[in-house]
Amino acid sequence: MKGYPDIIAAIATGAGDAAIGVVRLSGVGSHSLALSMCRDLAATPLERRVNLTWLEHPSSGEILDQAMVVLYPDGASYTGEEAVEFFCHGGRIVLDRVLDACFDAGARAAGPGDFTRRAVACGRLDLAQAEAVAMLSGAPTNEAVEIALSALKGASSRAVMELRESMMDILSGIEAYLDFTEDDGVELDATDTISALEEAILEMDAWIEKERAARPALTGVRVVLVGPPNAQPVQRDCR
């Protein structure tokens, strides 16, 4: 079983009342912690299946909410480790009560980005995809959403890896030429090597220009209005 030895917990949905709110747990032992709050279940629920349950405080037995629970095995969750999600009624008081019960049962509060950090550590996401997750959370325009979704699907990562493979091929050819003599039949075409490097530079320059062009869609633009006002105040006699 892979994953961090501690269990993190947090409300995974936005602030404000809603029909449904999600409390998420992740880390080794999440299943046991969750089942200690789902005592009405006759048997351990199947993983990745939605089960209706009454959530109870693990110590006092106080009823917290009627909710749905899903258990995720390691390798099949967002973080890549053993995880649980409670789908509760979306009132903030309800969610806070469920979250506090998780803390009382041994979980700790997840810090900003903790779930995504674990996803990267477990190999579920790479750094470019992790940044895309953050971008989607606050995307201000449709174009920003499309850029983030493309990165989340791995387009940026694949382009970087393809360029890396090309650079590794060039490097291995140069190293072989330096390590062996012409008598060993190893030759290096300097023209082809320079051409490949120039193509790589052009590709990276194109990435930079594309990023610059997309920047306004991601962060917006600052507009300054200067000059005299186009309307003068009107004095009225209010007597």
C-alpha atoms as a PDB file:
ATOM      1  CA  MET A   1       0.000   0.000   0.000  1.00  0.00           C
ATOM      2  CA  LYS A   2       1.464   3.325  -1.043  1.00  0.00           C
ATOM      3  CA  GLY A   3       0.825   6.753   0.364  1.00  0.00           C
ATOM      4  CA  TYR A   4       1.697   9.048   3.224  1.00  0.00           C
ATOM      5  CA  PRO A   5       1.481   7.619   6.757  1.00  0.00           C
ATOM      6  CA  ASP A   6      -0.772  10.452   7.950  1.00  0.00           C
ATOM      7  CA  ILE A   7      -4.348  11.116   6.872  1.00  0.00           C
ATOM      8  CA  ILE A   8      -5.310  14.556   5.604  1.00  0.00           C
ATOM      9  CA  ALA A   9      -8.879  15.837   5.488  1.00  0.00           C
ATOM     10  CA  ALA A  10     -10.589  18.897   4.051  1.00  0.00           C
ATOM     11  CA  ILE A  11     -13.846  20.181   2.606  1.00  0.00           C
ATOM     12  CA  ALA A  12     -13.358  19.768  -1.147  1.00  0.00           C
ATOM     13  CA  THR A  13     -16.209  22.003  -2.286  1.00  0.00           C
ATOM     14  CA  GLY A  14     -16.480  25.769  -2.291  1.00  0.00           C
ATOM     15  CA  ALA A  15     -17.718  28.029   0.470  1.00  0.00           C
ATOM     16  CA  GLY A  16     -21.413  28.738   0.802  1.00  0.00           C
ATOM     17  CA  ASP A  17     -24.501  26.582   1.155  1.00  0.00           C
ATOM     18  CA  ALA A  18     -25.237  24.037  -1.569  1.00  0.00           C
ATOM     19  CA  ALA A  19     -27.228  20.855  -2.132  1.00  0.00           C
ATOM     20  CA  ILE A  20     -24.124  18.668  -1.825  1.00  0.00           C
ATOM     21  CA  GLY A  21     -20.756  19.233  -0.146  1.00  0.00           C
ATOM     22  CA  VAL A  22     -17.749  16.908  -0.216  1.00  0.00           C
ATOM     23  CA  VAL A  23     -15.370  16.050   2.609  1.00  0.00           C
ATOM     24  CA  ARG A  24     -12.241  14.288   1.345  1.00  0.00           C
ATOM     25  CA  LEU A  25      -9.744  12.074   3.189  1.00  0.00           C
ATOM     26  CA  SER A  26      -6.452  10.785   1.834  1.00  0.00           C
ATOM     27  CA  GLY A  27      -3.650   8.691   3.296  1.00  0.00           C
ATOM     28  CA  VAL A  28      -3.002   5.209   4.594  1.00  0.00           C
ATOM     29  CA  GLY A  29      -5.796   4.282   7.017  1.00  0.00           C
ATOM     30  CA  SER A  30      -8.460   6.507   5.451  1.00  0.00           C
ATOM     31  CA  HIS A  31     -10.805   3.553   4.939  1.00  0.00           C
ATOM     32  CA  SER A  32     -10.643   2.474   8.572  1.00  0.00           C
ATOM     33  CA  LEU A  33     -11.225   6.029   9.756  1.00  0.00           C
ATOM     34  CA  ALA A  34     -14.227   6.445   7.474  1.00  0.00           C
ATOM     35  CA  LEU A  35     -15.775   3.121   8.478  1.00  0.00           C
ATOM     36  CA  SER A  36     -15.531   4.151  12.130  1.00  0.00           C
ATOM     37  CA  MET A  37     -18.033   6.871  11.202  1.00  0.00           C
ATOM     38  CA  CYS A  38     -20.301   4.579   9.133  1.00  0.00           C
ATOM     39  CA  ARG A  39     -21.376   2.046  11.746  1.00  0.00           C
ATOM     40  CA  ASP A  40     -24.744   1.324  10.144  1.00  0.00           C
ATOM     41  CA  LEU A  41     -23.102  -0.360   7.144  1.00  0.00           C
ATOM     42  CA  ALA A  42     -23.594  -4.115   7.498  1.00  0.00           C
ATOM     43  CA  ALA A  43     -20.372  -4.910   5.645  1.00  0.00           C
ATOM     44  CA  THR A  44     -17.334  -3.165   4.276  1.00  0.00           C
ATOM     45  CA  PRO A  45     -18.584  -1.428   1.120  1.00  0.00           C
ATOM     46  CA  LEU A  46     -17.114  -2.223  -2.248  1.00  0.00           C
ATOM     47  CA  GLU A  47     -14.444   0.194  -3.356  1.00  0.00           C
ATOM     48  CA  ARG A  48     -15.406   2.913  -5.821  1.00  0.00           C
ATOM     49  CA  ARG A  49     -19.114   2.322  -5.138  1.00  0.00           C
ATOM     50  CA  VAL A  50     -21.506   4.882  -3.658  1.00  0.00           C
ATOM     51  CA  ASN A  51     -23.036   3.783  -0.367  1.00  0.00           C
ATOM     52  CA  LEU A  52     -25.743   5.576   1.619  1.00  0.00           C
ATOM     53  CA  THR A  53     -24.941   5.802   5.327  1.00  0.00           C
ATOM     54  CA  TRP A  54     -25.605   7.674   8.548  1.00  0.00           C
ATOM     55  CA  LEU A  55     -22.405   9.412   9.623  1.00  0.00           C
ATOM     56  CA  GLU A  56     -21.707   9.241  13.347  1.00  0.00           C
ATOM     57  CA  HIS A  57     -19.045  10.824  15.496  1.00  0.00           C
ATOM     58  CA  PRO A  58     -16.553   7.993  16.111  1.00  0.00           C
ATOM     59  CA  SER A  59     -16.344   8.705  19.854  1.00  0.00           C
ATOM     60  CA  SER A  60     -19.683  10.109  21.002  1.00  0.00           C
ATOM     61  CA  GLY A  61     -21.910   8.346  18.472  1.00  0.00           C
ATOM     62  CA  GLU A  62     -23.630  11.652  17.690  1.00  0.00           C
ATOM     63  CA  ILE A  63     -25.411  11.611  14.327  1.00  0.00           C
ATOM     64  CA  LEU A  64     -23.697  14.051  11.966  1.00  0.00           C
ATOM     65  CA  ASP A  65     -25.509  13.625   8.648  1.00  0.00           C
ATOM     66  CA  GLN A  66     -27.061  11.174   6.249  1.00  0.00           C
ATOM     67  CA  ALA A  67     -24.521  11.027   3.444  1.00  0.00           C
ATOM     68  CA  MET A  68     -22.988   8.913   0.702  1.00  0.00           C
ATOM     69  CA  VAL A  69     -19.486   7.496   1.089  1.00  0.00           C
ATOM     70  CA  VAL A  70     -17.050   6.254  -1.543  1.00  0.00           C
ATOM     71  CA  LEU A  71     -13.831   4.368  -0.745  1.00  0.00           C
ATOM     72  CA  TYR A  72     -10.960   4.606  -3.242  1.00  0.00           C
ATOM     73  CA  PRO A  73      -8.078   2.092  -3.182  1.00  0.00           C
ATOM     74  CA  ASP A  74      -4.511   3.267  -3.615  1.00  0.00           C
ATOM     75  CA  GLY A  75      -3.838   3.878  -7.295  1.00  0.00           C
ATOM     76  CA  ALA A  76      -7.468   4.753  -8.069  1.00  0.00           C
ATOM     77  CA  SER A  77      -8.001   8.078  -6.300  1.00  0.00           C
ATOM     78  CA  TYR A  78      -7.161  11.658  -7.206  1.00  0.00           C
ATOM     79  CA  THR A  79      -4.081  11.561  -4.992  1.00  0.00           C
ATOM     80  CA  GLY A  80      -3.072   8.044  -6.037  1.00  0.00           C
ATOM     81  CA  GLU A  81      -3.266   6.791  -2.461  1.00  0.00           C
ATOM     82  CA  GLU A  82      -6.003   5.288  -0.280  1.00  0.00           C
ATOM     83  CA  ALA A  83      -8.771   7.886  -0.074  1.00  0.00           C
ATOM     84  CA  VAL A  84     -12.395   8.501   0.929  1.00  0.00           C
ATOM     85  CA  GLU A  85     -15.038  11.023  -0.052  1.00  0.00           C
ATOM     86  CA  PHE A  86     -18.159  11.818   1.960  1.00  0.00           C
ATOM     87  CA  PHE A  87     -20.956  13.397  -0.105  1.00  0.00           C
ATOM     88  CA  CYS A  88     -22.894  15.284   2.553  1.00  0.00           C
ATOM     89  CA  HIS A  89     -25.677  17.831   2.614  1.00  0.00           C
ATOM     90  CA  GLY A  90     -24.024  21.081   1.626  1.00  0.00           C
ATOM     91  CA  GLY A  91     -24.701  23.309   4.623  1.00  0.00           C
ATOM     92  CA  ARG A  92     -21.505  24.691   6.079  1.00  0.00           C
ATOM     93  CA  ILE A  93     -22.377  23.639   9.631  1.00  0.00           C
ATOM     94  CA  VAL A  94     -22.953  20.051   8.482  1.00  0.00           C
ATOM     95  CA  LEU A  95     -19.649  19.908   6.620  1.00  0.00           C
ATOM     96  CA  ASP A  96     -17.730  21.437   9.525  1.00  0.00           C
ATOM     97  CA  ARG A  97     -19.203  18.874  11.922  1.00  0.00           C
ATOM     98  CA  VAL A  98     -18.189  15.989   9.665  1.00  0.00           C
ATOM     99  CA  LEU A  99     -14.714  17.445   9.159  1.00  0.00           C
ATOM    100  CA  ASP A 100     -14.225  17.970  12.903  1.00  0.00           C
ATOM    101  CA  ALA A 101     -15.211  14.341  13.493  1.00  0.00           C
ATOM    102  CA  CYS A 102     -12.525  13.272  11.008  1.00  0.00           C
ATOM    103  CA  PHE A 103      -9.982  15.294  12.976  1.00  0.00           C
ATOM    104  CA  ASP A 104     -11.143  13.727  16.227  1.00  0.00           C
ATOM    105  CA  ALA A 105     -10.665  10.301  14.628  1.00  0.00           C
ATOM    106  CA  GLY A 106      -7.020  11.034  13.799  1.00  0.00           C
ATOM    107  CA  ALA A 107      -6.897  12.977  10.543  1.00  0.00           C
ATOM    108  CA  ARG A 108      -5.165  16.340  10.240  1.00  0.00           C
ATOM    109  CA  ALA A 109      -6.225  19.406   8.305  1.00  0.00           C
ATOM    110  CA  ALA A 110      -4.983  19.440   4.729  1.00  0.00           C
ATOM    111  CA  GLY A 111      -2.895  22.479   3.850  1.00  0.00           C
ATOM    112  CA  PRO A 112      -3.247  24.453   0.607  1.00  0.00           C
ATOM    113  CA  GLY A 113      -2.469  22.153  -2.315  1.00  0.00           C
ATOM    114  CA  ASP A 114      -1.864  19.088  -0.109  1.00  0.00           C
ATOM    115  CA  PHE A 115      -4.061  16.751  -2.160  1.00  0.00           C
ATOM    116  CA  THR A 116      -2.458  17.817  -5.444  1.00  0.00           C
ATOM    117  CA  ARG A 117       1.012  17.595  -3.856  1.00  0.00           C
ATOM    118  CA  ARG A 118       0.296  13.980  -2.964  1.00  0.00           C
ATOM    119  CA  ALA A 119      -0.977  13.314  -6.478  1.00  0.00           C
ATOM    120  CA  VAL A 120       2.367  14.515  -7.841  1.00  0.00           C
ATOM    121  CA  ALA A 121       4.343  12.480  -5.286  1.00  0.00           C
ATOM    122  CA  CYS A 122       2.379   9.330  -6.175  1.00  0.00           C
ATOM    123  CA  GLY A 123       2.834   9.858  -9.918  1.00  0.00           C
ATOM    124  CA  ARG A 124      -0.798  10.648 -10.696  1.00  0.00           C
ATOM    125  CA  LEU A 125       0.087  14.126 -11.968  1.00  0.00           C
ATOM    126  CA  ASP A 126       3.260  15.822 -13.147  1.00  0.00           C
ATOM    127  CA  LEU A 127       4.111  19.431 -12.309  1.00  0.00           C
ATOM    128  CA  ALA A 128       2.546  20.857 -15.465  1.00  0.00           C
ATOM    129  CA  GLN A 129      -0.705  19.032 -14.729  1.00  0.00           C
ATOM    130  CA  ALA A 130      -0.627  20.189 -11.107  1.00  0.00           C
ATOM    131  CA  GLU A 131      -0.348  23.784 -12.292  1.00  0.00           C
ATOM    132  CA  ALA A 132      -3.279  23.132 -14.643  1.00  0.00           C
ATOM    133  CA  VAL A 133      -5.404  22.045 -11.676  1.00  0.00           C
ATOM    134  CA  ALA A 134      -4.681  25.347  -9.934  1.00  0.00           C
ATOM    135  CA  MET A 135      -5.387  27.241 -13.157  1.00  0.00           C
ATOM    136  CA  LEU A 136      -8.775  25.565 -13.599  1.00  0.00           C
ATOM    137  CA  SER A 137      -9.749  26.507 -10.063  1.00  0.00           C
ATOM    138  CA  GLY A 138      -9.487  30.203 -10.889  1.00  0.00           C
ATOM    139  CA  ALA A 139      -9.694  30.406 -14.684  1.00  0.00           C
ATOM    140  CA  PRO A 140     -11.098  33.869 -15.543  1.00  0.00           C
ATOM    141  CA  THR A 141     -11.924  33.199 -19.218  1.00  0.00           C
ATOM    142  CA  ASN A 142     -13.008  30.388 -21.547  1.00  0.00           C
ATOM    143  CA  GLU A 143      -9.596  30.547 -23.219  1.00  0.00           C
ATOM    144  CA  ALA A 144      -7.907  30.019 -19.859  1.00  0.00           C
ATOM    145  CA  VAL A 145     -10.065  26.955 -19.269  1.00  0.00           C
ATOM    146  CA  GLU A 146      -9.099  25.502 -22.649  1.00  0.00           C
ATOM    147  CA  ILE A 147      -5.391  26.102 -21.992  1.00  0.00           C
ATOM    148  CA  ALA A 148      -5.630  24.475 -18.566  1.00  0.00           C
ATOM    149  CA  LEU A 149      -7.560  21.464 -19.863  1.00  0.00           C
ATOM    150  CA  SER A 150      -4.970  20.926 -22.591  1.00  0.00           C
ATOM    151  CA  ALA A 151      -2.202  20.927 -19.979  1.00  0.00           C
ATOM    152  CA  LEU A 152      -4.197  18.630 -17.676  1.00  0.00           C
ATOM    153  CA  LYS A 153      -4.587  16.134 -20.543  1.00  0.00           C
ATOM    154  CA  GLY A 154      -0.787  16.094 -20.806  1.00  0.00           C
ATOM    155  CA  ALA A 155      -0.208  18.048 -24.018  1.00  0.00           C
ATOM    156  CA  SER A 156       2.438  20.309 -22.471  1.00  0.00           C
ATOM    157  CA  SER A 157       4.164  17.413 -20.737  1.00  0.00           C
ATOM    158  CA  ARG A 158       4.318  15.352 -23.933  1.00  0.00           C
ATOM    159  CA  ALA A 159       5.819  18.256 -25.873  1.00  0.00           C
ATOM    160  CA  VAL A 160       8.509  18.735 -23.215  1.00  0.00           C
ATOM    161  CA  MET A 161       9.297  15.013 -23.098  1.00  0.00           C
ATOM    162  CA  GLU A 162       9.567  14.797 -26.885  1.00  0.00           C
ATOM    163  CA  LEU A 163      12.003  17.701 -26.899  1.00  0.00           C
ATOM    164  CA  ARG A 164      13.955  16.109 -24.056  1.00  0.00           C
ATOM    165  CA  GLU A 165      14.255  12.846 -26.004  1.00  0.00           C
ATOM    166  CA  SER A 166      15.544  14.787 -28.997  1.00  0.00           C
ATOM    167  CA  MET A 167      18.150  16.538 -26.833  1.00  0.00           C
ATOM    168  CA  MET A 168      19.194  13.222 -25.275  1.00  0.00           C
ATOM    169  CA  ASP A 169      19.728  11.753 -28.752  1.00  0.00           C
ATOM    170  CA  ILE A 170      21.955  14.687 -29.684  1.00  0.00           C
ATOM    171  CA  LEU A 171      23.884  14.425 -26.414  1.00  0.00           C
ATOM    172  CA  SER A 172      24.425  10.671 -26.748  1.00  0.00           C
ATOM    173  CA  GLY A 173      25.751  11.156 -30.288  1.00  0.00           C
ATOM    174  CA  ILE A 174      28.225  13.807 -29.111  1.00  0.00           C
ATOM    175  CA  GLU A 175      29.374  11.701 -26.159  1.00  0.00           C
ATOM    176  CA  ALA A 176      29.874   8.654 -28.383  1.00  0.00           C
ATOM    177  CA  TYR A 177      31.963  10.726 -30.795  1.00  0.00           C
ATOM    178  CA  LEU A 178      34.117  12.015 -27.915  1.00  0.00           C
ATOM    179  CA  ASP A 179      34.555   8.590 -26.312  1.00  0.00           C
ATOM    180  CA  PHE A 180      35.463   6.662 -29.441  1.00  0.00           C
ATOM    181  CA  THR A 181      37.894   7.293 -32.287  1.00  0.00           C
ATOM    182  CA  GLU A 182      37.197   7.357 -35.968  1.00  0.00           C
ATOM    183  CA  ASP A 183      38.717   3.874 -36.144  1.00  0.00           C
ATOM    184  CA  ASP A 184      35.706   2.617 -34.184  1.00  0.00           C
ATOM    185  CA  GLY A 185      33.420   3.820 -36.941  1.00  0.00           C
ATOM    186  CA  VAL A 186      31.732   6.520 -34.855  1.00  0.00           C
ATOM    187  CA  GLU A 187      31.142   9.712 -36.788  1.00  0.00           C
ATOM    188  CA  LEU A 188      29.368  12.942 -35.971  1.00  0.00           C
ATOM    189  CA  ASP A 189      27.692  15.122 -38.576  1.00  0.00           C
ATOM    190  CA  ALA A 190      28.131  18.602 -37.116  1.00  0.00           C
ATOM    191  CA  THR A 191      25.730  20.106 -39.644  1.00  0.00           C
ATOM    192  CA  ASP A 192      22.895  17.785 -38.611  1.00  0.00           C
ATOM    193  CA  THR A 193      23.640  18.363 -34.924  1.00  0.00           C
ATOM    194  CA  ILE A 194      23.565  22.139 -35.275  1.00  0.00           C
ATOM    195  CA  SER A 195      20.386  21.937 -37.329  1.00  0.00           C
ATOM    196  CA  ALA A 196      18.680  19.806 -34.651  1.00  0.00           C
ATOM    197  CA  LEU A 197      19.715  22.265 -31.934  1.00  0.00           C
ATOM    198  CA  GLU A 198      18.429  25.203 -33.944  1.00  0.00           C
ATOM    199  CA  GLU A 199      15.089  23.447 -34.424  1.00  0.00           C
ATOM    200  CA  ALA A 200      14.879  22.864 -30.687  1.00  0.00           C
ATOM    201  CA  ILE A 201      15.582  26.539 -30.007  1.00  0.00           C
ATOM    202  CA  LEU A 202      12.894  27.585 -32.490  1.00  0.00           C
ATOM    203  CA  GLU A 203      10.402  25.246 -30.838  1.00  0.00           C
ATOM    204  CA  MET A 204      11.124  26.646 -27.381  1.00  0.00           C
ATOM    205  CA  ASP A 205      10.903  30.209 -28.713  1.00  0.00           C
ATOM    206  CA  ALA A 206       7.484  29.307 -30.130  1.00  0.00           C
ATOM    207  CA  TRP A 207       6.401  28.053 -26.690  1.00  0.00           C
ATOM    208  CA  ILE A 208       7.467  31.354 -25.126  1.00  0.00           C
ATOM    209  CA  GLU A 209       5.599  33.425 -27.719  1.00  0.00           C
ATOM    210  CA  LYS A 210       2.496  31.276 -27.310  1.00  0.00           C
ATOM    211  CA  GLU A 211       2.631  31.748 -23.546  1.00  0.00           C
ATOM    212  CA  ARG A 212       3.000  35.514 -23.926  1.00  0.00           C
ATOM    213  CA  ALA A 213       0.021  35.639 -26.272  1.00  0.00           C
ATOM    214  CA  ALA A 214      -2.100  33.643 -23.812  1.00  0.00           C
ATOM    215  CA  ARG A 215      -1.069  35.650 -20.744  1.00  0.00           C
ATOM    216  CA  PRO A 216      -3.933  38.235 -20.985  1.00  0.00           C
ATOM    217  CA  ALA A 217      -6.479  35.386 -21.005  1.00  0.00           C
ATOM    218  CA  LEU A 218      -4.896  33.910 -17.884  1.00  0.00           C
ATOM    219  CA  THR A 219      -4.226  37.005 -15.786  1.00  0.00           C
ATOM    220  CA  GLY A 220      -6.258  39.745 -17.463  1.00  0.00           C
ATOM    221  CA  VAL A 221      -4.926  43.128 -18.556  1.00  0.00           C
ATOM    222  CA  ARG A 222      -4.479  46.369 -16.645  1.00  0.00           C
ATOM    223  CA  VAL A 223      -6.038  49.416 -18.293  1.00  0.00           C
ATOM    224  CA  VAL A 224      -5.151  52.954 -17.259  1.00  0.00           C
ATOM    225  CA  LEU A 225      -7.504  55.832 -18.069  1.00  0.00           C
ATOM    226  CA  VAL A 226      -5.683  59.169 -18.206  1.00  0.00           C
ATOM    227  CA  GLY A 227      -6.535  62.693 -19.285  1.00  0.00           C
ATOM    228  CA  PRO A 228      -9.142  65.273 -18.330  1.00  0.00           C
ATOM    229  CA  PRO A 229     -12.693  64.097 -17.578  1.00  0.00           C
ATOM    230  CA  ASN A 230     -15.162  64.215 -20.456  1.00  0.00           C
ATOM    231  CA  ALA A 231     -17.897  65.772 -18.358  1.00  0.00           C
ATOM    232  CA  GLN A 232     -17.934  68.840 -16.148  1.00  0.00           C
ATOM    233  CA  PRO A 233     -19.845  69.046 -12.877  1.00  0.00           C
ATOM    234  CA  VAL A 234     -23.115  70.947 -13.114  1.00  0.00           C
ATOM    235  CA  GLN A 235     -23.946  73.474 -10.418  1.00  0.00           C
ATOM    236  CA  ARG A 236     -27.611  73.624  -9.478  1.00  0.00           C
ATOM    237  CA  ASP A 237     -29.444  76.187  -7.416  1.00  0.00           C
ATOM    238  CA  CYS A 238     -31.280  74.112  -4.799  1.00  0.00           C
ATOM    239  CA  ARG A 239     -32.956  77.079  -3.074  1.00  0.00           C
END
